[in-house]
N, C-alpha and C. Protein backbone atom coordinates (compact mmCIF):
# COMPACT_ATOMS: atom_id res chain seq x y z
N MET A 1 113.76 197.50 58.65
CA MET A 1 113.40 196.12 58.35
C MET A 1 114.69 195.34 58.11
N LEU A 2 114.86 194.26 58.83
CA LEU A 2 116.04 193.42 58.63
C LEU A 2 116.04 192.80 57.24
N GLN A 3 117.23 192.72 56.64
CA GLN A 3 117.35 192.14 55.31
C GLN A 3 117.22 190.62 55.33
N LEU A 4 117.63 189.99 56.40
CA LEU A 4 117.68 188.52 56.49
C LEU A 4 118.54 187.96 55.36
N LYS A 5 119.83 188.31 55.41
CA LYS A 5 120.77 187.87 54.38
C LYS A 5 120.80 186.35 54.32
N PRO A 6 121.01 185.79 53.13
CA PRO A 6 120.86 184.35 52.92
C PRO A 6 122.03 183.45 53.30
N SER A 7 123.17 184.05 53.70
CA SER A 7 124.32 183.18 54.00
C SER A 7 125.31 183.88 54.92
N CYS A 8 126.20 183.06 55.48
CA CYS A 8 127.27 183.56 56.34
C CYS A 8 128.28 184.31 55.48
N GLU A 9 128.65 185.49 55.93
CA GLU A 9 129.58 186.31 55.16
C GLU A 9 130.99 185.72 55.14
N HIS A 10 131.31 184.85 56.09
CA HIS A 10 132.65 184.26 56.11
C HIS A 10 132.72 182.92 55.38
N CYS A 11 131.88 181.97 55.78
CA CYS A 11 131.99 180.60 55.23
C CYS A 11 130.97 180.30 54.14
N ASP A 12 130.04 181.22 53.91
CA ASP A 12 129.00 181.09 52.88
C ASP A 12 127.97 180.01 53.19
N LYS A 13 127.89 179.59 54.45
CA LYS A 13 126.85 178.62 54.84
C LYS A 13 125.48 179.25 54.60
N SER A 14 124.57 178.47 54.06
CA SER A 14 123.22 178.93 53.82
C SER A 14 122.52 179.22 55.15
N LEU A 15 121.88 180.38 55.24
CA LEU A 15 121.13 180.77 56.44
C LEU A 15 119.73 181.19 55.99
N SER A 16 118.83 180.25 55.98
CA SER A 16 117.46 180.53 55.55
C SER A 16 116.82 181.55 56.48
N ALA A 17 115.69 182.08 56.07
CA ALA A 17 115.00 183.10 56.86
C ALA A 17 114.63 182.59 58.25
N ASP A 18 114.47 181.28 58.39
CA ASP A 18 114.11 180.73 59.70
C ASP A 18 115.30 180.05 60.40
N ALA A 19 116.51 180.33 59.96
CA ALA A 19 117.71 179.74 60.58
C ALA A 19 117.85 180.23 62.01
N THR A 20 118.04 179.29 62.91
CA THR A 20 118.21 179.66 64.32
C THR A 20 119.69 179.86 64.68
N ASP A 21 120.58 179.60 63.72
CA ASP A 21 122.00 179.80 63.98
C ASP A 21 122.56 181.02 63.24
N ALA A 22 121.68 181.88 62.75
CA ALA A 22 122.11 183.12 62.11
C ALA A 22 122.36 184.17 63.18
N MET A 23 123.49 184.85 63.08
CA MET A 23 123.87 185.87 64.04
C MET A 23 124.10 187.18 63.29
N ILE A 24 123.73 188.32 63.91
CA ILE A 24 123.94 189.61 63.29
C ILE A 24 124.54 190.60 64.29
N CYS A 25 125.27 191.58 63.76
CA CYS A 25 125.73 192.70 64.59
C CYS A 25 124.73 193.84 64.39
N SER A 26 124.97 194.97 65.00
CA SER A 26 124.02 196.08 64.90
C SER A 26 123.96 196.68 63.49
N PHE A 27 124.96 196.39 62.64
CA PHE A 27 124.93 196.85 61.26
C PHE A 27 124.39 195.76 60.34
N GLU A 28 123.91 194.68 60.92
CA GLU A 28 123.34 193.54 60.23
C GLU A 28 124.35 192.73 59.41
N CYS A 29 125.62 192.81 59.79
CA CYS A 29 126.59 191.88 59.23
C CYS A 29 126.11 190.51 59.69
N THR A 30 126.13 189.52 58.82
CA THR A 30 125.50 188.23 59.11
C THR A 30 126.50 187.09 59.02
N TYR A 31 126.55 186.30 60.08
CA TYR A 31 127.45 185.15 60.16
C TYR A 31 126.72 184.00 60.82
N CYS A 32 127.20 182.79 60.58
CA CYS A 32 126.62 181.63 61.27
C CYS A 32 127.19 181.59 62.69
N GLN A 33 126.47 180.92 63.57
CA GLN A 33 126.87 180.85 64.97
C GLN A 33 128.25 180.21 65.12
N SER A 34 128.55 179.22 64.32
CA SER A 34 129.84 178.55 64.40
C SER A 34 130.99 179.52 64.11
N CYS A 35 130.87 180.32 63.07
CA CYS A 35 131.91 181.30 62.74
C CYS A 35 132.03 182.35 63.84
N VAL A 36 130.89 182.83 64.36
CA VAL A 36 130.91 183.86 65.41
C VAL A 36 131.65 183.34 66.64
N GLU A 37 131.36 182.11 67.05
CA GLU A 37 131.96 181.57 68.27
C GLU A 37 133.39 181.09 68.07
N ASN A 38 133.66 180.41 66.97
CA ASN A 38 134.95 179.73 66.81
C ASN A 38 136.01 180.52 66.04
N ILE A 39 135.58 181.43 65.19
CA ILE A 39 136.54 182.16 64.36
C ILE A 39 136.56 183.64 64.72
N LEU A 40 135.38 184.24 64.83
CA LEU A 40 135.30 185.68 65.05
C LEU A 40 135.41 186.07 66.52
N LYS A 41 135.23 185.11 67.42
CA LYS A 41 135.31 185.37 68.87
C LYS A 41 134.36 186.47 69.32
N ASN A 42 133.17 186.50 68.70
CA ASN A 42 132.12 187.48 68.99
C ASN A 42 132.57 188.92 68.74
N VAL A 43 133.46 189.08 67.76
CA VAL A 43 133.91 190.42 67.34
C VAL A 43 133.64 190.54 65.85
N CYS A 44 132.75 191.46 65.48
CA CYS A 44 132.45 191.66 64.06
C CYS A 44 133.69 192.19 63.35
N PRO A 45 134.11 191.54 62.27
CA PRO A 45 135.31 192.01 61.56
C PRO A 45 135.09 193.32 60.81
N ASN A 46 133.84 193.71 60.65
CA ASN A 46 133.53 194.93 59.91
C ASN A 46 133.41 196.16 60.81
N CYS A 47 132.88 195.97 62.03
CA CYS A 47 132.65 197.14 62.89
C CYS A 47 133.21 196.99 64.30
N GLY A 48 133.56 195.78 64.70
CA GLY A 48 134.08 195.58 66.05
C GLY A 48 133.01 195.30 67.09
N GLY A 49 131.76 195.34 66.69
CA GLY A 49 130.67 195.08 67.62
C GLY A 49 130.51 193.60 67.91
N GLY A 50 129.58 193.28 68.79
CA GLY A 50 129.27 191.90 69.13
C GLY A 50 128.08 191.42 68.30
N PHE A 51 127.68 190.19 68.55
CA PHE A 51 126.60 189.58 67.77
C PHE A 51 125.44 189.16 68.66
N SER A 52 124.27 189.11 68.06
CA SER A 52 123.06 188.58 68.68
C SER A 52 122.40 187.64 67.69
N SER A 53 121.56 186.76 68.21
CA SER A 53 120.79 185.89 67.32
C SER A 53 119.89 186.73 66.44
N ARG A 54 119.83 186.38 65.16
CA ARG A 54 118.96 187.10 64.23
C ARG A 54 117.53 186.64 64.47
N PRO A 55 116.60 187.57 64.61
CA PRO A 55 115.19 187.17 64.78
C PRO A 55 114.66 186.45 63.54
N VAL A 56 113.66 185.64 63.76
CA VAL A 56 113.00 184.92 62.67
C VAL A 56 111.71 185.66 62.35
N ARG A 57 111.54 186.01 61.09
CA ARG A 57 110.33 186.70 60.64
C ARG A 57 109.21 185.67 60.50
N PRO A 58 108.01 185.95 61.00
CA PRO A 58 106.91 184.99 60.90
C PRO A 58 106.59 184.63 59.45
N LYS A 59 106.42 183.33 59.21
CA LYS A 59 106.04 182.86 57.87
C LYS A 59 104.57 183.14 57.61
N GLU A 60 103.78 183.01 58.65
CA GLU A 60 102.33 183.21 58.55
C GLU A 60 101.97 184.66 58.81
N GLU A 61 100.90 185.10 58.22
CA GLU A 61 100.41 186.46 58.40
C GLU A 61 99.47 186.50 59.60
N TYR A 62 100.05 186.61 60.78
CA TYR A 62 99.25 186.66 62.01
C TYR A 62 98.59 188.03 62.18
N LYS A 63 99.24 189.04 61.65
CA LYS A 63 98.70 190.40 61.61
C LYS A 63 98.65 190.77 60.13
N PRO A 64 97.61 191.41 59.68
CA PRO A 64 97.47 191.73 58.26
C PRO A 64 98.69 192.48 57.68
N GLY A 65 99.24 191.93 56.60
CA GLY A 65 100.33 192.58 55.89
C GLY A 65 101.71 192.44 56.49
N VAL A 66 101.83 191.60 57.51
CA VAL A 66 103.13 191.49 58.19
C VAL A 66 103.56 190.02 58.26
N SER A 67 104.40 189.62 57.32
CA SER A 67 104.94 188.26 57.33
C SER A 67 106.08 188.16 56.32
N LEU A 68 106.67 187.01 56.26
CA LEU A 68 107.74 186.75 55.32
C LEU A 68 107.25 186.88 53.87
N LYS A 69 105.95 186.61 53.67
CA LYS A 69 105.38 186.73 52.32
C LYS A 69 105.43 188.19 51.84
N GLN A 70 105.05 189.12 52.69
CA GLN A 70 105.05 190.52 52.31
C GLN A 70 106.45 191.13 52.36
N TYR A 71 107.27 190.62 53.24
CA TYR A 71 108.63 191.13 53.43
C TYR A 71 109.62 189.98 53.35
N PRO A 72 109.90 189.51 52.14
CA PRO A 72 110.77 188.35 51.98
C PRO A 72 112.22 188.62 52.37
N ALA A 73 112.92 187.54 52.66
CA ALA A 73 114.35 187.62 52.98
C ALA A 73 115.12 188.03 51.73
N SER A 74 116.24 188.65 51.94
CA SER A 74 117.11 189.05 50.83
C SER A 74 117.67 187.82 50.13
N SER A 75 117.91 187.94 48.86
CA SER A 75 118.57 186.86 48.11
C SER A 75 119.99 187.28 47.74
N GLU A 76 120.37 188.49 48.14
CA GLU A 76 121.69 189.03 47.82
C GLU A 76 122.73 188.57 48.85
N LYS A 77 123.67 187.77 48.38
CA LYS A 77 124.72 187.26 49.25
C LYS A 77 125.82 188.31 49.45
N VAL A 78 126.38 188.30 50.64
CA VAL A 78 127.58 189.07 50.94
C VAL A 78 128.60 188.04 51.37
N PHE A 79 129.60 187.81 50.55
CA PHE A 79 130.62 186.79 50.84
C PHE A 79 131.98 187.44 50.80
N LYS A 80 132.55 187.63 51.97
CA LYS A 80 133.87 188.23 52.06
C LYS A 80 134.61 187.59 53.23
N PRO A 81 135.18 186.41 52.98
CA PRO A 81 135.89 185.69 54.03
C PRO A 81 136.96 186.58 54.67
N ILE A 82 137.11 186.43 55.96
CA ILE A 82 138.09 187.24 56.68
C ILE A 82 139.49 186.66 56.54
N ASP A 83 140.48 187.49 56.74
CA ASP A 83 141.86 187.05 56.86
C ASP A 83 142.02 186.65 58.32
N SER A 84 142.20 185.37 58.57
CA SER A 84 142.21 184.84 59.94
C SER A 84 143.25 185.51 60.85
N SER A 85 144.45 185.66 60.37
CA SER A 85 145.49 186.24 61.23
C SER A 85 145.22 187.72 61.50
N GLU A 86 144.75 188.43 60.50
CA GLU A 86 144.42 189.85 60.69
C GLU A 86 143.28 190.00 61.68
N HIS A 87 142.23 189.15 61.54
CA HIS A 87 141.09 189.26 62.46
C HIS A 87 141.48 188.85 63.87
N LEU A 88 142.33 187.83 64.01
CA LEU A 88 142.74 187.40 65.34
C LEU A 88 143.41 188.54 66.10
N ALA A 89 144.29 189.27 65.45
CA ALA A 89 144.95 190.41 66.09
C ALA A 89 143.93 191.47 66.49
N PHE A 90 142.98 191.74 65.59
CA PHE A 90 141.93 192.72 65.86
C PHE A 90 141.06 192.26 67.02
N ALA A 91 140.58 191.01 66.96
CA ALA A 91 139.68 190.48 67.99
C ALA A 91 140.37 190.43 69.35
N GLU A 92 141.63 190.03 69.37
CA GLU A 92 142.36 189.95 70.64
C GLU A 92 142.43 191.31 71.33
N SER A 93 142.48 192.37 70.54
CA SER A 93 142.61 193.70 71.13
C SER A 93 141.32 194.21 71.80
N ILE A 94 140.17 193.65 71.44
CA ILE A 94 138.91 194.16 72.01
C ILE A 94 137.96 193.08 72.52
N LYS A 95 138.27 191.81 72.35
CA LYS A 95 137.30 190.76 72.69
C LYS A 95 136.95 190.72 74.18
N ASP A 96 137.82 191.22 75.05
CA ASP A 96 137.52 191.19 76.48
C ASP A 96 136.65 192.37 76.93
N ILE A 97 136.42 193.31 76.04
CA ILE A 97 135.51 194.42 76.33
C ILE A 97 134.11 193.92 75.98
N PRO A 98 133.18 193.93 76.92
CA PRO A 98 131.81 193.48 76.61
C PRO A 98 131.27 194.24 75.39
N PRO A 99 130.58 193.56 74.48
CA PRO A 99 130.06 194.23 73.28
C PRO A 99 129.29 195.52 73.57
N GLU A 100 128.53 195.54 74.66
CA GLU A 100 127.74 196.74 74.95
C GLU A 100 128.60 197.91 75.41
N LYS A 101 129.89 197.67 75.65
CA LYS A 101 130.79 198.76 76.07
C LYS A 101 131.84 199.09 75.03
N ARG A 102 131.78 198.43 73.87
CA ARG A 102 132.76 198.72 72.81
C ARG A 102 132.42 199.99 72.10
């Protein structure tokens, strides 16, 4: 079950459960789309993987027991801004490798 973290790990921008600009890597590191595209260059600073749009959990219970009400988004923030120069060197070394081949 995805945690649906409440904010960008780099800039701390609020990312509600229905945010369409929330991006996650396969380890569920969570960043806003702006940080992923402009700062991280689609390279997760924690694992080196790429990012995908985070799915939105249904607010309504369309199927019994399955909705945001039963499985709420996390309220626990993870805020650890990256060192820009350190990440740039890291990202430059692997950003041209497609995420699915890293």
